[in-house]
C-alpha atoms as a PDB file:
ATOM      1  CA  MET A   1       0.025  -0.009   0.008  1.00  0.00           C
ATOM      2  CA  ALA A   2       1.313   3.427  -0.838  1.00  0.00           C
ATOM      3  CA  GLU A   3       2.138   5.826   1.910  1.00  0.00           C
ATOM      4  CA  ILE A   4      -0.014   8.873   2.270  1.00  0.00           C
ATOM      5  CA  LYS A   5       1.647  11.540   4.416  1.00  0.00           C
ATOM      6  CA  ARG A   6       0.065  14.584   5.874  1.00  0.00           C
ATOM      7  CA  LYS A   7       1.001  17.736   4.048  1.00  0.00           C
ATOM      8  CA  LYS A   8       2.563  20.653   5.879  1.00  0.00           C
ATOM      9  CA  GLU A   9      -0.031  22.612   7.864  1.00  0.00           C
ATOM     10  CA  GLU A  10      -2.853  20.304   6.676  1.00  0.00           C
ATOM     11  CA  SER A  11      -5.639  19.662   9.204  1.00  0.00           C
ATOM     12  CA  PHE A  12      -6.396  16.166  10.286  1.00  0.00           C
ATOM     13  CA  GLU A  13      -9.940  16.377   8.814  1.00  0.00           C
ATOM     14  CA  SER A  14      -8.724  17.245   5.394  1.00  0.00           C
ATOM     15  CA  PHE A  15      -6.010  14.616   5.584  1.00  0.00           C
ATOM     16  CA  LEU A  16      -8.623  12.046   6.496  1.00  0.00           C
ATOM     17  CA  ARG A  17     -10.899  13.158   3.656  1.00  0.00           C
ATOM     18  CA  ARG A  18      -7.980  12.882   1.255  1.00  0.00           C
ATOM     19  CA  PHE A  19      -7.102   9.436   2.559  1.00  0.00           C
ATOM     20  CA  LYS A  20     -10.676   8.224   2.184  1.00  0.00           C
ATOM     21  CA  LEU A  21     -10.739   9.461  -1.397  1.00  0.00           C
ATOM     22  CA  TYR A  22      -7.501   7.725  -2.083  1.00  0.00           C
ATOM     23  CA  LEU A  23      -8.955   4.388  -0.798  1.00  0.00           C
ATOM     24  CA  GLN A  24     -12.132   4.796  -2.858  1.00  0.00           C
ATOM     25  CA  ASN A  25     -10.219   5.637  -6.033  1.00  0.00           C
ATOM     26  CA  SER A  26      -7.643   2.838  -5.636  1.00  0.00           C
ATOM     27  CA  LYS A  27     -10.410   0.269  -4.845  1.00  0.00           C
ATOM     28  CA  LYS A  28      -8.141  -1.398  -2.297  1.00  0.00           C
ATOM     29  CA  LEU A  29     -10.756  -1.252   0.452  1.00  0.00           C
ATOM     30  CA  ILE A  30     -13.339  -2.917  -1.834  1.00  0.00           C
ATOM     31  CA  THR A  31     -11.012  -5.720  -2.827  1.00  0.00           C
ATOM     32  CA  ALA A  32     -10.050  -6.349   0.811  1.00  0.00           C
ATOM     33  CA  LYS A  33     -13.723  -6.588   1.796  1.00  0.00           C
ATOM     34  CA  GLU A  34     -14.434  -8.942  -1.109  1.00  0.00           C
ATOM     35  CA  LYS A  35     -11.627 -11.234  -0.115  1.00  0.00           C
ATOM     36  CA  ARG A  36     -12.816 -11.225   3.474  1.00  0.00           C
ATOM     37  CA  TYR A  37     -16.511 -11.679   3.087  1.00  0.00           C
ATOM     38  CA  LEU A  38     -17.337 -12.736  -0.482  1.00  0.00           C
ATOM     39  CA  THR A  39     -15.025 -15.704  -0.951  1.00  0.00           C
ATOM     40  CA  PRO A  40     -17.067 -18.845  -1.468  1.00  0.00           C
ATOM     41  CA  LYS A  41     -16.583 -21.649   0.975  1.00  0.00           C
ATOM     42  CA  ASN A  42     -15.720 -25.179  -0.091  1.00  0.00           C
ATOM     43  CA  ASN A  43     -18.712 -27.431  -0.228  1.00  0.00           C
ATOM     44  CA  LYS A  44     -18.720 -30.907   1.374  1.00  0.00           C
ATOM     45  CA  LYS A  45     -17.827 -32.611  -1.879  1.00  0.00           C
ATOM     46  CA  GLN A  46     -14.746 -30.477  -2.362  1.00  0.00           C
ATOM     47  CA  GLN A  47     -13.793 -30.927   1.294  1.00  0.00           C
ATOM     48  CA  LYS A  48     -14.002 -34.744   1.017  1.00  0.00           C
ATOM     49  CA  ALA A  49     -12.003 -34.737  -2.263  1.00  0.00           C
ATOM     50  CA  ARG A  50      -9.269 -32.547  -0.647  1.00  0.00           C
ATOM     51  CA  ALA A  51      -9.144 -34.787   2.431  1.00  0.00           C
ATOM     52  CA  LEU A  52      -8.884 -37.962   0.316  1.00  0.00           C
ATOM     53  CA  SER A  53      -6.130 -36.568  -1.844  1.00  0.00           C
ATOM     54  CA  ALA A  54      -4.227 -35.408   1.227  1.00  0.00           C
ATOM     55  CA  LYS A  55      -4.573 -38.874   2.825  1.00  0.00           C
ATOM     56  CA  GLU A  56      -3.328 -40.561  -0.398  1.00  0.00           C
ATOM     57  CA  MET A  57      -0.318 -38.242  -0.598  1.00  0.00           C
ATOM     58  CA  GLY A  58       0.485 -38.928   3.033  1.00  0.00           C
ATOM     59  CA  GLU A  59       0.336 -42.646   2.453  1.00  0.00           C
ATOM     60  CA  LYS A  60       2.483 -42.360  -0.654  1.00  0.00           C
ATOM     61  CA  ASN A  61       5.102 -40.284   1.174  1.00  0.00           C
ATOM     62  CA  GLN A  62       5.079 -42.717   4.055  1.00  0.00           C
ATOM     63  CA  TYR A  63       5.685 -45.603   1.647  1.00  0.00           C
ATOM     64  CA  LEU A  64       8.506 -43.801  -0.048  1.00  0.00           C
ATOM     65  CA  ARG A  65      10.147 -42.983   3.276  1.00  0.00           C
ATOM     66  CA  LYS A  66       9.890 -46.716   4.178  1.00  0.00           C
ATOM     67  CA  ILE A  67      11.595 -47.894   1.052  1.00  0.00           C
ATOM     68  CA  GLY A  68      14.245 -45.174   1.379  1.00  0.00           C
ATOM     69  CA  LYS A  69      13.440 -42.964  -1.611  1.00  0.00           C
ATOM     70  CA  LEU A  70      12.508 -39.989   0.645  1.00  0.00           C
ATOM     71  CA  PRO A  71      14.705 -38.910   3.567  1.00  0.00           C
ATOM     72  CA  GLU A  72      13.389 -39.261   7.072  1.00  0.00           C
ATOM     73  CA  SER A  73      12.018 -35.985   8.401  1.00  0.00           C
ATOM     74  CA  ASN A  74      12.250 -34.968  12.045  1.00  0.00           C
ATOM     75  CA  ASN A  75       9.817 -32.131  11.315  1.00  0.00           C
ATOM     76  CA  ASN A  76       6.763 -32.871  13.439  1.00  0.00           C
ATOM     77  CA  ARG A  77       3.888 -30.622  12.595  1.00  0.00           C
ATOM     78  CA  ARG A  78       1.772 -31.315  15.658  1.00  0.00           C
END
């Protein structure tokens, strides 16, 4: 985000007005709100598919570690 600095001898109200205009014209506030509130959630079918693929990848990685093709990791995520 660009820096908006207060001009010399500018009142806080005029600075705030100028800052609000900058936000409206740049549409950064609108995009932030869209990202926060208007992003669609995953439905149950997508959640199940994602969980199954993650489980399959975990099993595959575990198998590859067992046969020695992947190095053992000491990185515990939990």
